[in-house]
Amino acid sequence: MLLHWNRRQTLGLLFSALSALSQAALAADWPNRPVHLIVGFPPGSSPDLTARALAEPLSRSLGQPVVVDNKVGAGGNIAADAVAKATDGHTLGLMINGNMTIARILNPKVPYDPLRDLAPVSLIGTAPLLLAVPAGTAGETPAQWLEQARKAGNRLSYGSPGVGTVAHLGMELLKQKAGIDPVHVPYPGNPQIINAMLGGQVQLALLPPGLAMPQVKAGKLRAVGTTSTGRSALVPEVPSLAEAGVKNYQLEIWNAVAAPASMPAAQVRKLSGIVSDIVRSPEMRQRLFQQGWQVVGSSPEGLKNRIDADTKALGHIIRQQKIELN
């Protein structure tokens, strides 16, 4: 019996070794044709800018063209579903928090399961959101603006890149924490939200600092505060909403590279190492900082840990505020 067990054990070890060698060989040969990097938001949006910044150095490292493909809609879930269902071995996604965490909690009918159908590759960067309003809005300090917003009630409206996005969930949580009540108006992406604020269609929004601050510096928007507990290194001149008296309120956005869950683990790890090295390089770190990101460049395990934590935290907001897709 011992001999039989040892043979089985030896065969098992041999099979594992051969499988590992086969995986390594596949990873060494990958990619062997152009790679598509799918983005769920329109050109000019924060995820799109990150994808285009990443595409050129990633192409050089992989030795193949990297084509950025915008598949806009459903708060990025159309793109995420395309990545999840890809079977060509050469499709990746540049995704935001919601697409990799709470998509199914928000809407059980979403056609993919982020925890089952996507393979985490690397967390690229994180950032707080910035509460922005049109320049000239009443209330010179954050506390004064919040008081004006409380008085306005539902006569104000806010934009977000879609139901269930972090900007939407964050504003619904802010409504609860700060006692304000603006009405939600979803848009395809943040550039459209900024245009709507400039045109007077909405009066406030939670925006990535990298997109909001150029408008603030141009005198078109005003920064009320950030969603960090203290001042952010990305925008040290902007107070946090906590400084204005909003208690127990902290929120971050992040972006990451994901692959279909069907991608072999060796290829995922190879890609993760390449992406991490690229975003941590001094040139790319500076470029992403200018876009409004504090660089991370994680392992697949590091991204998985962040996914688990955010799924729990954002899922709590959804259930507490009874947020759902119509």
C-alpha atoms as a PDB file:
ATOM      1  CA  MET A   1       0.000   0.000   0.000  1.00  0.00           C
ATOM      2  CA  LEU A   2       2.878   2.352   0.846  1.00  0.00           C
ATOM      3  CA  LEU A   3       4.488   1.606  -2.519  1.00  0.00           C
ATOM      4  CA  HIS A   4       1.180   2.256  -4.280  1.00  0.00           C
ATOM      5  CA  TRP A   5       0.802   5.561  -2.407  1.00  0.00           C
ATOM      6  CA  ASN A   6       4.339   6.608  -3.241  1.00  0.00           C
ATOM      7  CA  ARG A   7       3.748   5.888  -6.916  1.00  0.00           C
ATOM      8  CA  ARG A   8       0.596   7.968  -6.892  1.00  0.00           C
ATOM      9  CA  GLN A   9       2.381  10.730  -5.056  1.00  0.00           C
ATOM     10  CA  THR A  10       5.306  10.612  -7.491  1.00  0.00           C
ATOM     11  CA  LEU A  11       2.968  10.700 -10.482  1.00  0.00           C
ATOM     12  CA  GLY A  12       1.127  13.636  -8.952  1.00  0.00           C
ATOM     13  CA  LEU A  13       4.338  15.556  -8.406  1.00  0.00           C
ATOM     14  CA  LEU A  14       5.494  14.725 -11.938  1.00  0.00           C
ATOM     15  CA  PHE A  15       2.215  15.942 -13.383  1.00  0.00           C
ATOM     16  CA  SER A  16       2.447  19.183 -11.374  1.00  0.00           C
ATOM     17  CA  ALA A  17       5.999  19.743 -12.552  1.00  0.00           C
ATOM     18  CA  LEU A  18       5.081  19.135 -16.187  1.00  0.00           C
ATOM     19  CA  SER A  19       2.090  21.450 -15.840  1.00  0.00           C
ATOM     20  CA  ALA A  20       4.303  24.172 -14.359  1.00  0.00           C
ATOM     21  CA  LEU A  21       6.804  23.755 -17.198  1.00  0.00           C
ATOM     22  CA  SER A  22       3.997  23.922 -19.736  1.00  0.00           C
ATOM     23  CA  GLN A  23       2.624  27.087 -18.092  1.00  0.00           C
ATOM     24  CA  ALA A  24       6.081  28.664 -18.111  1.00  0.00           C
ATOM     25  CA  ALA A  25       6.510  27.823 -21.796  1.00  0.00           C
ATOM     26  CA  LEU A  26       3.139  29.370 -22.625  1.00  0.00           C
ATOM     27  CA  ALA A  27       4.013  32.507 -20.642  1.00  0.00           C
ATOM     28  CA  ALA A  28       7.373  32.817 -22.422  1.00  0.00           C
ATOM     29  CA  ASP A  29       5.628  32.698 -25.803  1.00  0.00           C
ATOM     30  CA  TRP A  30       2.885  35.133 -24.739  1.00  0.00           C
ATOM     31  CA  PRO A  31       1.803  37.426 -26.331  1.00  0.00           C
ATOM     32  CA  ASN A  32       2.184  36.407 -29.962  1.00  0.00           C
ATOM     33  CA  ARG A  33      -0.244  38.931 -31.487  1.00  0.00           C
ATOM     34  CA  PRO A  34      -1.667  42.392 -30.647  1.00  0.00           C
ATOM     35  CA  VAL A  35      -3.130  42.869 -27.182  1.00  0.00           C
ATOM     36  CA  HIS A  36      -6.427  44.707 -26.681  1.00  0.00           C
ATOM     37  CA  LEU A  37      -6.762  46.857 -23.551  1.00  0.00           C
ATOM     38  CA  ILE A  38     -10.477  47.507 -23.027  1.00  0.00           C
ATOM     39  CA  VAL A  39     -11.696  50.627 -21.190  1.00  0.00           C
ATOM     40  CA  GLY A  40     -15.300  51.109 -20.079  1.00  0.00           C
ATOM     41  CA  PHE A  41     -15.347  54.895 -20.279  1.00  0.00           C
ATOM     42  CA  PRO A  42     -15.044  57.451 -23.076  1.00  0.00           C
ATOM     43  CA  PRO A  43     -11.860  59.025 -24.456  1.00  0.00           C
ATOM     44  CA  GLY A  44     -10.582  61.704 -22.113  1.00  0.00           C
ATOM     45  CA  SER A  45     -11.930  60.014 -18.993  1.00  0.00           C
ATOM     46  CA  SER A  46      -9.554  59.124 -16.174  1.00  0.00           C
ATOM     47  CA  PRO A  47      -9.441  55.357 -16.950  1.00  0.00           C
ATOM     48  CA  ASP A  48      -8.901  56.135 -20.635  1.00  0.00           C
ATOM     49  CA  LEU A  49      -5.974  58.474 -19.887  1.00  0.00           C
ATOM     50  CA  THR A  50      -4.349  55.820 -17.709  1.00  0.00           C
ATOM     51  CA  ALA A  51      -4.840  53.142 -20.356  1.00  0.00           C
ATOM     52  CA  ARG A  52      -3.245  55.308 -23.035  1.00  0.00           C
ATOM     53  CA  ALA A  53      -0.333  56.196 -20.767  1.00  0.00           C
ATOM     54  CA  LEU A  54       0.215  52.489 -20.096  1.00  0.00           C
ATOM     55  CA  ALA A  55      -0.256  51.250 -23.671  1.00  0.00           C
ATOM     56  CA  GLU A  56       3.043  52.421 -25.197  1.00  0.00           C
ATOM     57  CA  PRO A  57       5.464  51.141 -22.515  1.00  0.00           C
ATOM     58  CA  LEU A  58       3.422  47.944 -22.203  1.00  0.00           C
ATOM     59  CA  SER A  59       3.705  47.421 -25.958  1.00  0.00           C
ATOM     60  CA  ARG A  60       7.485  47.818 -25.778  1.00  0.00           C
ATOM     61  CA  SER A  61       7.741  45.330 -22.903  1.00  0.00           C
ATOM     62  CA  LEU A  62       5.469  42.748 -24.521  1.00  0.00           C
ATOM     63  CA  GLY A  63       6.866  43.154 -28.022  1.00  0.00           C
ATOM     64  CA  GLN A  64       3.359  43.487 -29.485  1.00  0.00           C
ATOM     65  CA  PRO A  65       1.023  46.407 -30.223  1.00  0.00           C
ATOM     66  CA  VAL A  66      -1.357  47.302 -27.373  1.00  0.00           C
ATOM     67  CA  VAL A  67      -4.626  48.695 -28.727  1.00  0.00           C
ATOM     68  CA  VAL A  68      -6.855  50.741 -26.389  1.00  0.00           C
ATOM     69  CA  ASP A  69     -10.505  49.878 -27.079  1.00  0.00           C
ATOM     70  CA  ASN A  70     -13.267  52.031 -25.500  1.00  0.00           C
ATOM     71  CA  LYS A  71     -16.454  50.059 -24.812  1.00  0.00           C
ATOM     72  CA  VAL A  72     -18.580  52.664 -23.055  1.00  0.00           C
ATOM     73  CA  GLY A  73     -21.704  52.089 -20.972  1.00  0.00           C
ATOM     74  CA  ALA A  74     -23.275  50.676 -17.809  1.00  0.00           C
ATOM     75  CA  GLY A  75     -20.705  52.343 -15.555  1.00  0.00           C
ATOM     76  CA  GLY A  76     -17.896  50.339 -17.148  1.00  0.00           C
ATOM     77  CA  ASN A  77     -19.637  46.967 -16.838  1.00  0.00           C
ATOM     78  CA  ILE A  78     -20.012  46.476 -20.607  1.00  0.00           C
ATOM     79  CA  ALA A  79     -16.239  46.583 -20.911  1.00  0.00           C
ATOM     80  CA  ALA A  80     -15.734  44.390 -17.864  1.00  0.00           C
ATOM     81  CA  ASP A  81     -18.109  41.788 -19.283  1.00  0.00           C
ATOM     82  CA  ALA A  82     -16.192  41.837 -22.597  1.00  0.00           C
ATOM     83  CA  VAL A  83     -12.960  41.145 -20.714  1.00  0.00           C
ATOM     84  CA  ALA A  84     -14.550  38.416 -18.598  1.00  0.00           C
ATOM     85  CA  LYS A  85     -15.870  36.607 -21.683  1.00  0.00           C
ATOM     86  CA  ALA A  86     -12.755  37.027 -23.848  1.00  0.00           C
ATOM     87  CA  THR A  87     -11.195  33.738 -24.910  1.00  0.00           C
ATOM     88  CA  ASP A  88      -8.458  34.905 -27.288  1.00  0.00           C
ATOM     89  CA  GLY A  89      -5.817  35.115 -24.568  1.00  0.00           C
ATOM     90  CA  HIS A  90      -4.899  38.642 -25.673  1.00  0.00           C
ATOM     91  CA  THR A  91      -7.644  40.780 -24.102  1.00  0.00           C
ATOM     92  CA  LEU A  92      -7.123  42.803 -20.929  1.00  0.00           C
ATOM     93  CA  GLY A  93      -9.110  45.477 -19.114  1.00  0.00           C
ATOM     94  CA  LEU A  94      -8.252  48.787 -17.487  1.00  0.00           C
ATOM     95  CA  MET A  95     -10.893  48.906 -14.768  1.00  0.00           C
ATOM     96  CA  ILE A  96     -12.118  50.945 -11.825  1.00  0.00           C
ATOM     97  CA  ASN A  97     -13.224  49.826  -8.350  1.00  0.00           C
ATOM     98  CA  GLY A  98     -16.850  49.088  -9.041  1.00  0.00           C
ATOM     99  CA  ASN A  99     -16.263  46.847 -12.057  1.00  0.00           C
ATOM    100  CA  MET A 100     -14.041  44.548  -9.995  1.00  0.00           C
ATOM    101  CA  THR A 101     -15.955  44.597  -6.720  1.00  0.00           C
ATOM    102  CA  ILE A 102     -19.666  45.342  -6.266  1.00  0.00           C
ATOM    103  CA  ALA A 103     -21.138  44.957  -9.773  1.00  0.00           C
ATOM    104  CA  ARG A 104     -23.132  41.858  -8.816  1.00  0.00           C
ATOM    105  CA  ILE A 105     -24.158  43.226  -5.403  1.00  0.00           C
ATOM    106  CA  LEU A 106     -25.601  46.274  -7.112  1.00  0.00           C
ATOM    107  CA  ASN A 107     -27.358  44.289  -9.810  1.00  0.00           C
ATOM    108  CA  PRO A 108     -27.636  40.476  -9.754  1.00  0.00           C
ATOM    109  CA  LYS A 109     -28.414  40.606 -13.497  1.00  0.00           C
ATOM    110  CA  VAL A 110     -24.938  41.891 -14.413  1.00  0.00           C
ATOM    111  CA  PRO A 111     -23.743  39.235 -16.881  1.00  0.00           C
ATOM    112  CA  TYR A 112     -20.380  38.594 -15.216  1.00  0.00           C
ATOM    113  CA  ASP A 113     -19.196  37.916 -11.685  1.00  0.00           C
ATOM    114  CA  PRO A 114     -16.173  40.113 -10.892  1.00  0.00           C
ATOM    115  CA  LEU A 115     -14.913  37.790  -8.176  1.00  0.00           C
ATOM    116  CA  ARG A 116     -15.183  34.683 -10.356  1.00  0.00           C
ATOM    117  CA  ASP A 117     -14.725  35.799 -13.965  1.00  0.00           C
ATOM    118  CA  LEU A 118     -11.852  38.304 -13.702  1.00  0.00           C
ATOM    119  CA  ALA A 119      -8.225  37.626 -12.829  1.00  0.00           C
ATOM    120  CA  PRO A 120      -6.589  40.446 -10.813  1.00  0.00           C
ATOM    121  CA  VAL A 121      -3.315  41.547 -12.450  1.00  0.00           C
ATOM    122  CA  SER A 122      -2.073  44.734 -10.790  1.00  0.00           C
ATOM    123  CA  LEU A 123      -3.436  47.681  -8.825  1.00  0.00           C
ATOM    124  CA  ILE A 124      -2.114  50.742 -10.668  1.00  0.00           C
ATOM    125  CA  GLY A 125      -3.015  53.738  -8.514  1.00  0.00           C
ATOM    126  CA  THR A 126      -5.344  55.150  -5.887  1.00  0.00           C
ATOM    127  CA  ALA A 127      -6.812  58.599  -5.211  1.00  0.00           C
ATOM    128  CA  PRO A 128      -9.450  60.315  -3.121  1.00  0.00           C
ATOM    129  CA  LEU A 129     -12.306  61.973  -4.945  1.00  0.00           C
ATOM    130  CA  LEU A 130     -12.717  65.740  -4.977  1.00  0.00           C
ATOM    131  CA  LEU A 131     -16.050  67.429  -4.360  1.00  0.00           C
ATOM    132  CA  ALA A 132     -16.273  70.083  -7.084  1.00  0.00           C
ATOM    133  CA  VAL A 133     -18.824  72.822  -7.748  1.00  0.00           C
ATOM    134  CA  PRO A 134     -19.023  75.554 -10.406  1.00  0.00           C
ATOM    135  CA  ALA A 135     -16.913  78.629  -9.734  1.00  0.00           C
ATOM    136  CA  GLY A 136     -18.967  81.374  -8.124  1.00  0.00           C
ATOM    137  CA  THR A 137     -21.132  78.950  -6.140  1.00  0.00           C
ATOM    138  CA  ALA A 138     -22.246  80.434  -2.813  1.00  0.00           C
ATOM    139  CA  GLY A 139     -20.322  79.454   0.326  1.00  0.00           C
ATOM    140  CA  GLU A 140     -16.688  80.484   0.431  1.00  0.00           C
ATOM    141  CA  THR A 141     -15.483  77.792   2.846  1.00  0.00           C
ATOM    142  CA  PRO A 142     -16.321  74.066   2.741  1.00  0.00           C
ATOM    143  CA  ALA A 143     -18.431  74.396   5.887  1.00  0.00           C
ATOM    144  CA  GLN A 144     -20.328  77.373   4.425  1.00  0.00           C
ATOM    145  CA  TRP A 145     -20.939  75.510   1.164  1.00  0.00           C
ATOM    146  CA  LEU A 146     -22.285  72.486   3.058  1.00  0.00           C
ATOM    147  CA  GLU A 147     -24.666  74.755   4.978  1.00  0.00           C
ATOM    148  CA  GLN A 148     -25.923  76.255   1.710  1.00  0.00           C
ATOM    149  CA  ALA A 149     -26.340  72.759   0.241  1.00  0.00           C
ATOM    150  CA  ARG A 150     -28.388  71.653   3.265  1.00  0.00           C
ATOM    151  CA  LYS A 151     -30.730  74.594   2.765  1.00  0.00           C
ATOM    152  CA  ALA A 152     -31.059  73.869  -0.974  1.00  0.00           C
ATOM    153  CA  GLY A 153     -32.169  70.274  -0.367  1.00  0.00           C
ATOM    154  CA  ASN A 154     -33.182  68.477  -3.559  1.00  0.00           C
ATOM    155  CA  ARG A 155     -33.039  71.653  -5.658  1.00  0.00           C
ATOM    156  CA  LEU A 156     -29.407  70.721  -6.326  1.00  0.00           C
ATOM    157  CA  SER A 157     -28.341  67.858  -8.582  1.00  0.00           C
ATOM    158  CA  TYR A 158     -25.077  65.963  -8.881  1.00  0.00           C
ATOM    159  CA  GLY A 159     -23.474  64.035 -11.727  1.00  0.00           C
ATOM    160  CA  SER A 160     -21.770  60.656 -11.624  1.00  0.00           C
ATOM    161  CA  PRO A 161     -20.329  58.319 -14.284  1.00  0.00           C
ATOM    162  CA  GLY A 162     -23.221  55.918 -13.683  1.00  0.00           C
ATOM    163  CA  VAL A 163     -25.283  54.116 -11.059  1.00  0.00           C
ATOM    164  CA  GLY A 164     -23.061  52.046  -8.780  1.00  0.00           C
ATOM    165  CA  THR A 165     -19.818  53.814  -9.631  1.00  0.00           C
ATOM    166  CA  VAL A 166     -17.698  54.867  -6.666  1.00  0.00           C
ATOM    167  CA  ALA A 167     -18.573  58.529  -7.335  1.00  0.00           C
ATOM    168  CA  HIS A 168     -22.278  57.659  -7.081  1.00  0.00           C
ATOM    169  CA  LEU A 169     -21.898  55.551  -3.948  1.00  0.00           C
ATOM    170  CA  GLY A 170     -19.613  58.150  -2.404  1.00  0.00           C
ATOM    171  CA  MET A 171     -22.109  60.951  -2.955  1.00  0.00           C
ATOM    172  CA  GLU A 172     -24.952  58.892  -1.511  1.00  0.00           C
ATOM    173  CA  LEU A 173     -22.806  58.265   1.561  1.00  0.00           C
ATOM    174  CA  LEU A 174     -21.931  61.973   1.726  1.00  0.00           C
ATOM    175  CA  LYS A 175     -25.639  62.816   1.632  1.00  0.00           C
ATOM    176  CA  GLN A 176     -26.091  60.696   4.713  1.00  0.00           C
ATOM    177  CA  LYS A 177     -22.992  61.955   6.533  1.00  0.00           C
ATOM    178  CA  ALA A 178     -23.392  65.666   5.696  1.00  0.00           C
ATOM    179  CA  GLY A 179     -27.179  66.018   5.659  1.00  0.00           C
ATOM    180  CA  ILE A 180     -27.435  67.204   2.043  1.00  0.00           C
ATOM    181  CA  ASP A 181     -29.922  65.917  -0.547  1.00  0.00           C
ATOM    182  CA  PRO A 182     -28.902  66.564  -4.189  1.00  0.00           C
ATOM    183  CA  VAL A 183     -30.598  64.525  -6.938  1.00  0.00           C
ATOM    184  CA  HIS A 184     -28.506  62.015  -8.898  1.00  0.00           C
ATOM    185  CA  VAL A 185     -28.002  62.502 -12.663  1.00  0.00           C
ATOM    186  CA  PRO A 186     -25.869  59.777 -14.337  1.00  0.00           C
ATOM    187  CA  TYR A 187     -23.598  60.554 -17.313  1.00  0.00           C
ATOM    188  CA  PRO A 188     -21.418  58.350 -19.586  1.00  0.00           C
ATOM    189  CA  GLY A 189     -18.207  59.667 -18.001  1.00  0.00           C
ATOM    190  CA  ASN A 190     -16.526  62.439 -16.035  1.00  0.00           C
ATOM    191  CA  PRO A 191     -15.800  64.725 -19.040  1.00  0.00           C
ATOM    192  CA  GLN A 192     -19.544  64.909 -19.678  1.00  0.00           C
ATOM    193  CA  ILE A 193     -20.156  65.666 -15.987  1.00  0.00           C
ATOM    194  CA  ILE A 194     -17.681  68.551 -16.097  1.00  0.00           C
ATOM    195  CA  ASN A 195     -19.393  69.942 -19.213  1.00  0.00           C
ATOM    196  CA  ALA A 196     -22.748  69.627 -17.461  1.00  0.00           C
ATOM    197  CA  MET A 197     -21.446  71.549 -14.438  1.00  0.00           C
ATOM    198  CA  LEU A 198     -19.985  74.254 -16.648  1.00  0.00           C
ATOM    199  CA  GLY A 199     -23.317  74.447 -18.471  1.00  0.00           C
ATOM    200  CA  GLY A 200     -25.369  74.626 -15.270  1.00  0.00           C
ATOM    201  CA  GLN A 201     -27.163  71.279 -15.677  1.00  0.00           C
ATOM    202  CA  VAL A 202     -25.709  69.884 -12.410  1.00  0.00           C
ATOM    203  CA  GLN A 203     -24.327  71.751  -9.428  1.00  0.00           C
ATOM    204  CA  LEU A 204     -21.817  69.331  -7.886  1.00  0.00           C
ATOM    205  CA  ALA A 205     -19.912  66.093  -8.426  1.00  0.00           C
ATOM    206  CA  LEU A 206     -17.241  63.880  -6.917  1.00  0.00           C
ATOM    207  CA  LEU A 207     -14.435  63.878  -9.501  1.00  0.00           C
ATOM    208  CA  PRO A 208     -10.939  62.426  -9.803  1.00  0.00           C
ATOM    209  CA  PRO A 209      -8.464  65.157  -8.783  1.00  0.00           C
ATOM    210  CA  GLY A 210      -6.556  64.798 -12.050  1.00  0.00           C
ATOM    211  CA  LEU A 211      -9.633  65.821 -14.051  1.00  0.00           C
ATOM    212  CA  ALA A 212     -11.043  68.394 -11.643  1.00  0.00           C
ATOM    213  CA  MET A 213      -7.932  70.409 -10.777  1.00  0.00           C
ATOM    214  CA  PRO A 214      -7.197  71.765 -14.288  1.00  0.00           C
ATOM    215  CA  GLN A 215     -10.731  73.204 -14.293  1.00  0.00           C
ATOM    216  CA  VAL A 216     -10.223  74.550 -10.760  1.00  0.00           C
ATOM    217  CA  LYS A 217      -6.936  76.206 -11.742  1.00  0.00           C
ATOM    218  CA  ALA A 218      -8.611  77.678 -14.815  1.00  0.00           C
ATOM    219  CA  GLY A 219     -11.221  79.299 -12.576  1.00  0.00           C
ATOM    220  CA  LYS A 220     -14.130  77.267 -13.986  1.00  0.00           C
ATOM    221  CA  LEU A 221     -14.755  74.962 -11.021  1.00  0.00           C
ATOM    222  CA  ARG A 222     -14.139  75.236  -7.295  1.00  0.00           C
ATOM    223  CA  ALA A 223     -12.766  72.472  -5.073  1.00  0.00           C
ATOM    224  CA  VAL A 224     -14.832  72.139  -1.899  1.00  0.00           C
ATOM    225  CA  GLY A 225     -12.936  69.230  -0.324  1.00  0.00           C
ATOM    226  CA  THR A 226     -11.521  65.736  -0.763  1.00  0.00           C
ATOM    227  CA  THR A 227     -12.908  62.411   0.414  1.00  0.00           C
ATOM    228  CA  SER A 228      -9.715  61.576   2.330  1.00  0.00           C
ATOM    229  CA  THR A 229      -9.493  61.785   6.123  1.00  0.00           C
ATOM    230  CA  GLY A 230      -6.643  64.298   5.840  1.00  0.00           C
ATOM    231  CA  ARG A 231      -5.169  66.357   3.031  1.00  0.00           C
ATOM    232  CA  SER A 232      -4.022  64.329   0.037  1.00  0.00           C
ATOM    233  CA  ALA A 233      -0.526  64.604  -1.454  1.00  0.00           C
ATOM    234  CA  LEU A 234      -2.246  64.843  -4.837  1.00  0.00           C
ATOM    235  CA  VAL A 235      -3.997  68.107  -3.910  1.00  0.00           C
ATOM    236  CA  PRO A 236      -2.443  69.364  -0.654  1.00  0.00           C
ATOM    237  CA  GLU A 237      -4.005  72.794  -1.124  1.00  0.00           C
ATOM    238  CA  VAL A 238      -7.548  71.357  -0.914  1.00  0.00           C
ATOM    239  CA  PRO A 239      -9.004  70.643   2.554  1.00  0.00           C
ATOM    240  CA  SER A 240     -10.579  67.304   3.297  1.00  0.00           C
ATOM    241  CA  LEU A 241     -14.316  67.172   3.914  1.00  0.00           C
ATOM    242  CA  ALA A 242     -13.425  65.925   7.382  1.00  0.00           C
ATOM    243  CA  GLU A 243     -11.976  69.389   8.044  1.00  0.00           C
ATOM    244  CA  ALA A 244     -15.419  70.804   7.218  1.00  0.00           C
ATOM    245  CA  GLY A 245     -17.027  68.627   9.879  1.00  0.00           C
ATOM    246  CA  VAL A 246     -18.036  65.564   7.838  1.00  0.00           C
ATOM    247  CA  LYS A 247     -17.254  62.728  10.245  1.00  0.00           C
ATOM    248  CA  ASN A 248     -16.292  59.120   9.438  1.00  0.00           C
ATOM    249  CA  TYR A 249     -16.127  59.746   5.722  1.00  0.00           C
ATOM    250  CA  GLN A 250     -13.309  58.314   3.632  1.00  0.00           C
ATOM    251  CA  LEU A 251     -13.420  57.093   0.058  1.00  0.00           C
ATOM    252  CA  GLU A 252     -10.850  56.203  -2.587  1.00  0.00           C
ATOM    253  CA  ILE A 253     -11.041  55.389  -6.241  1.00  0.00           C
ATOM    254  CA  TRP A 254      -8.519  53.121  -7.893  1.00  0.00           C
ATOM    255  CA  ASN A 255      -7.726  51.655 -11.264  1.00  0.00           C
ATOM    256  CA  ALA A 256      -6.224  48.313 -12.132  1.00  0.00           C
ATOM    257  CA  VAL A 257      -5.410  45.913 -14.911  1.00  0.00           C
ATOM    258  CA  ALA A 258      -7.486  42.728 -15.049  1.00  0.00           C
ATOM    259  CA  ALA A 259      -7.551  39.687 -17.315  1.00  0.00           C
ATOM    260  CA  PRO A 260     -10.169  37.017 -17.996  1.00  0.00           C
ATOM    261  CA  ALA A 261     -10.164  34.359 -15.293  1.00  0.00           C
ATOM    262  CA  SER A 262      -9.372  31.869 -18.070  1.00  0.00           C
ATOM    263  CA  MET A 263      -5.904  33.372 -18.611  1.00  0.00           C
ATOM    264  CA  PRO A 264      -3.231  30.946 -17.357  1.00  0.00           C
ATOM    265  CA  ALA A 265      -1.737  31.907 -13.997  1.00  0.00           C
ATOM    266  CA  ALA A 266       1.800  32.082 -15.393  1.00  0.00           C
ATOM    267  CA  GLN A 267       0.724  34.637 -17.988  1.00  0.00           C
ATOM    268  CA  VAL A 268      -1.108  36.681 -15.334  1.00  0.00           C
ATOM    269  CA  ARG A 269       1.990  36.736 -13.133  1.00  0.00           C
ATOM    270  CA  LYS A 270       4.248  37.668 -16.045  1.00  0.00           C
ATOM    271  CA  LEU A 271       1.911  40.513 -16.992  1.00  0.00           C
ATOM    272  CA  SER A 272       1.617  41.661 -13.379  1.00  0.00           C
ATOM    273  CA  GLY A 273       5.383  41.969 -13.047  1.00  0.00           C
ATOM    274  CA  ILE A 274       5.618  43.958 -16.271  1.00  0.00           C
ATOM    275  CA  VAL A 275       2.769  46.335 -15.371  1.00  0.00           C
ATOM    276  CA  SER A 276       4.127  46.876 -11.851  1.00  0.00           C
ATOM    277  CA  ASP A 277       7.597  47.685 -13.166  1.00  0.00           C
ATOM    278  CA  ILE A 278       6.157  50.125 -15.715  1.00  0.00           C
ATOM    279  CA  VAL A 279       3.976  52.112 -13.309  1.00  0.00           C
ATOM    280  CA  ARG A 280       6.699  52.272 -10.652  1.00  0.00           C
ATOM    281  CA  SER A 281       9.253  53.702 -13.061  1.00  0.00           C
ATOM    282  CA  PRO A 282      10.096  57.356 -12.249  1.00  0.00           C
ATOM    283  CA  GLU A 283       8.775  58.626 -15.598  1.00  0.00           C
ATOM    284  CA  MET A 284       5.467  56.768 -15.360  1.00  0.00           C
ATOM    285  CA  ARG A 285       5.075  57.514 -11.651  1.00  0.00           C
ATOM    286  CA  GLN A 286       5.329  61.224 -12.438  1.00  0.00           C
ATOM    287  CA  ARG A 287       2.954  60.957 -15.389  1.00  0.00           C
ATOM    288  CA  LEU A 288       0.323  59.120 -13.341  1.00  0.00           C
ATOM    289  CA  PHE A 289       0.746  61.578 -10.463  1.00  0.00           C
ATOM    290  CA  GLN A 290      -0.012  64.396 -12.888  1.00  0.00           C
ATOM    291  CA  GLN A 291      -3.143  62.486 -13.927  1.00  0.00           C
ATOM    292  CA  GLY A 292      -4.161  62.328 -10.271  1.00  0.00           C
ATOM    293  CA  TRP A 293      -2.942  58.912  -9.117  1.00  0.00           C
ATOM    294  CA  GLN A 294      -0.735  57.796  -6.275  1.00  0.00           C
ATOM    295  CA  VAL A 295       1.067  54.808  -7.810  1.00  0.00           C
ATOM    296  CA  VAL A 296       0.877  51.335  -6.269  1.00  0.00           C
ATOM    297  CA  GLY A 297       1.860  48.693  -8.845  1.00  0.00           C
ATOM    298  CA  SER A 298       0.803  45.595  -6.894  1.00  0.00           C
ATOM    299  CA  SER A 299       1.005  41.832  -7.290  1.00  0.00           C
ATOM    300  CA  PRO A 300      -2.151  39.886  -8.216  1.00  0.00           C
ATOM    301  CA  GLU A 301      -2.491  38.980  -4.521  1.00  0.00           C
ATOM    302  CA  GLY A 302      -2.244  42.636  -3.490  1.00  0.00           C
ATOM    303  CA  LEU A 303      -5.015  43.595  -5.889  1.00  0.00           C
ATOM    304  CA  LYS A 304      -7.128  40.649  -4.705  1.00  0.00           C
ATOM    305  CA  ASN A 305      -6.827  41.870  -1.108  1.00  0.00           C
ATOM    306  CA  ARG A 306      -7.988  45.343  -2.143  1.00  0.00           C
ATOM    307  CA  ILE A 307     -10.903  43.853  -4.098  1.00  0.00           C
ATOM    308  CA  ASP A 308     -12.038  41.867  -1.050  1.00  0.00           C
ATOM    309  CA  ALA A 309     -11.830  44.900   1.263  1.00  0.00           C
ATOM    310  CA  ASP A 310     -13.693  47.215  -1.117  1.00  0.00           C
ATOM    311  CA  THR A 311     -16.354  44.627  -1.911  1.00  0.00           C
ATOM    312  CA  LYS A 312     -17.153  44.545   1.781  1.00  0.00           C
ATOM    313  CA  ALA A 313     -17.043  48.331   2.324  1.00  0.00           C
ATOM    314  CA  LEU A 314     -18.889  49.412  -0.850  1.00  0.00           C
ATOM    315  CA  GLY A 315     -21.355  46.558  -0.516  1.00  0.00           C
ATOM    316  CA  HIS A 316     -22.249  47.936   2.917  1.00  0.00           C
ATOM    317  CA  ILE A 317     -23.042  51.357   1.392  1.00  0.00           C
ATOM    318  CA  ILE A 318     -25.252  49.758  -1.276  1.00  0.00           C
ATOM    319  CA  ARG A 319     -27.259  47.778   1.262  1.00  0.00           C
ATOM    320  CA  GLN A 320     -27.453  50.623   3.770  1.00  0.00           C
ATOM    321  CA  GLN A 321     -28.633  53.166   1.186  1.00  0.00           C
ATOM    322  CA  LYS A 322     -30.747  50.591  -0.711  1.00  0.00           C
ATOM    323  CA  ILE A 323     -29.063  51.486  -4.006  1.00  0.00           C
ATOM    324  CA  GLU A 324     -29.994  49.378  -7.012  1.00  0.00           C
ATOM    325  CA  LEU A 325     -29.989  49.509 -10.778  1.00  0.00           C
ATOM    326  CA  ASN A 326     -33.383  50.020 -12.400  1.00  0.00           C
END
